[in-house]
């Protein structure tokens, strides 16, 4: 009975590692997209400022702050996933 339980535990840990790895990749992709959005919004804010377009500057700055907040959230989530993944790898060994 112990033999099957050990094998089942290994399968569960490996499944959890696969899920965490997929989650890490998803978050990494989202973070890369968000970093590109930050650059776009910063450029739009600069253009709005240079053109004296207050409405455009306001819109760009709001979008920029939202993207920066998203980046912080994604970074925190990614750090948690990395930590969980490291613990799972240790558990597997």
Protein backbone atom coordinates (compact mmCIF):
# COMPACT_ATOMS: atom_id res chain seq x y z
CA UNK A 1 0.00 0.00 0.00
CA UNK A 2 2.84 2.41 0.82
CA UNK A 3 4.31 1.89 -2.64
CA UNK A 4 1.18 3.16 -4.37
CA UNK A 5 0.84 6.11 -2.02
CA UNK A 6 4.41 7.24 -2.76
CA UNK A 7 3.83 6.95 -6.49
CA UNK A 8 0.56 8.87 -6.21
CA UNK A 9 2.25 11.61 -4.19
CA UNK A 10 4.96 11.93 -6.83
CA UNK A 11 2.30 12.27 -9.53
CA UNK A 12 0.51 14.96 -7.55
CA UNK A 13 3.74 16.89 -6.98
CA UNK A 14 4.66 16.61 -10.66
CA UNK A 15 1.17 17.80 -11.64
CA UNK A 16 1.54 20.76 -9.28
CA UNK A 17 4.97 21.56 -10.74
CA UNK A 18 3.52 21.50 -14.25
CA UNK A 19 0.66 23.78 -13.20
CA UNK A 20 3.03 26.21 -11.47
CA UNK A 21 5.32 26.24 -14.50
CA UNK A 22 2.39 27.02 -16.80
CA UNK A 23 1.25 29.75 -14.41
CA UNK A 24 4.77 31.21 -14.35
CA UNK A 25 4.85 31.32 -18.16
CA UNK A 26 1.42 32.97 -18.29
CA UNK A 27 2.42 35.61 -15.75
CA UNK A 28 5.73 36.22 -17.52
CA UNK A 29 3.90 36.81 -20.79
CA UNK A 30 1.44 39.18 -19.13
CA UNK A 31 4.29 41.03 -17.47
CA UNK A 32 6.14 41.46 -20.78
CA UNK A 33 2.95 42.81 -22.38
CA UNK A 34 2.45 45.18 -19.46
CA UNK A 35 6.00 46.48 -19.70
CA UNK A 36 5.40 47.27 -23.38
CA UNK A 37 2.17 49.04 -22.46
CA UNK A 38 4.06 51.14 -19.90
CA UNK A 39 6.48 52.26 -22.60
CA UNK A 40 3.61 53.09 -24.98
CA UNK A 41 1.69 55.08 -22.35
CA UNK A 42 4.83 56.96 -21.26
CA UNK A 43 5.48 57.93 -24.89
CA UNK A 44 1.86 59.03 -25.33
CA UNK A 45 2.07 61.13 -22.15
CA UNK A 46 5.23 62.77 -23.41
CA UNK A 47 3.60 63.52 -26.76
CA UNK A 48 0.55 64.96 -25.02
CA UNK A 49 2.79 67.18 -22.90
CA UNK A 50 4.82 68.34 -25.90
CA UNK A 51 1.67 69.09 -27.89
CA UNK A 52 0.03 70.87 -24.97
CA UNK A 53 -2.91 68.47 -25.19
CA UNK A 54 -4.07 68.30 -21.57
CA UNK A 55 -6.81 65.77 -22.29
CA UNK A 56 -4.39 63.40 -24.03
CA UNK A 57 -1.84 63.88 -21.27
CA UNK A 58 -4.46 63.05 -18.63
CA UNK A 59 -5.59 59.92 -20.50
CA UNK A 60 -2.03 58.74 -21.04
CA UNK A 61 -1.04 59.32 -17.43
CA UNK A 62 -4.07 57.43 -16.14
CA UNK A 63 -3.26 54.54 -18.45
CA UNK A 64 0.40 54.70 -17.45
CA UNK A 65 -0.41 54.51 -13.74
CA UNK A 66 -2.78 51.61 -14.31
CA UNK A 67 -0.13 49.73 -16.28
CA UNK A 68 2.47 50.44 -13.59
CA UNK A 69 0.09 49.11 -10.92
CA UNK A 70 -0.54 46.03 -13.05
CA UNK A 71 3.19 45.48 -13.38
CA UNK A 72 3.66 45.58 -9.59
CA UNK A 73 0.82 43.11 -9.09
CA UNK A 74 2.12 40.74 -11.74
CA UNK A 75 5.65 40.92 -10.31
CA UNK A 76 4.34 40.04 -6.84
CA UNK A 77 2.30 37.14 -8.22
CA UNK A 78 5.25 35.91 -10.24
CA UNK A 79 7.47 35.99 -7.15
CA UNK A 80 4.90 33.89 -5.28
CA UNK A 81 4.70 31.36 -8.10
CA UNK A 82 8.50 31.15 -8.28
CA UNK A 83 8.63 30.51 -4.54
CA UNK A 84 5.91 27.85 -4.75
CA UNK A 85 7.64 26.21 -7.69
CA UNK A 86 10.96 26.08 -5.85
CA UNK A 87 9.26 24.45 -2.86
CA UNK A 88 7.60 21.87 -5.11
CA UNK A 89 10.88 21.01 -6.81
CA UNK A 90 12.48 20.50 -3.40
CA UNK A 91 9.56 18.32 -2.34
CA UNK A 92 9.96 16.20 -5.46
CA UNK A 93 13.62 15.60 -4.69
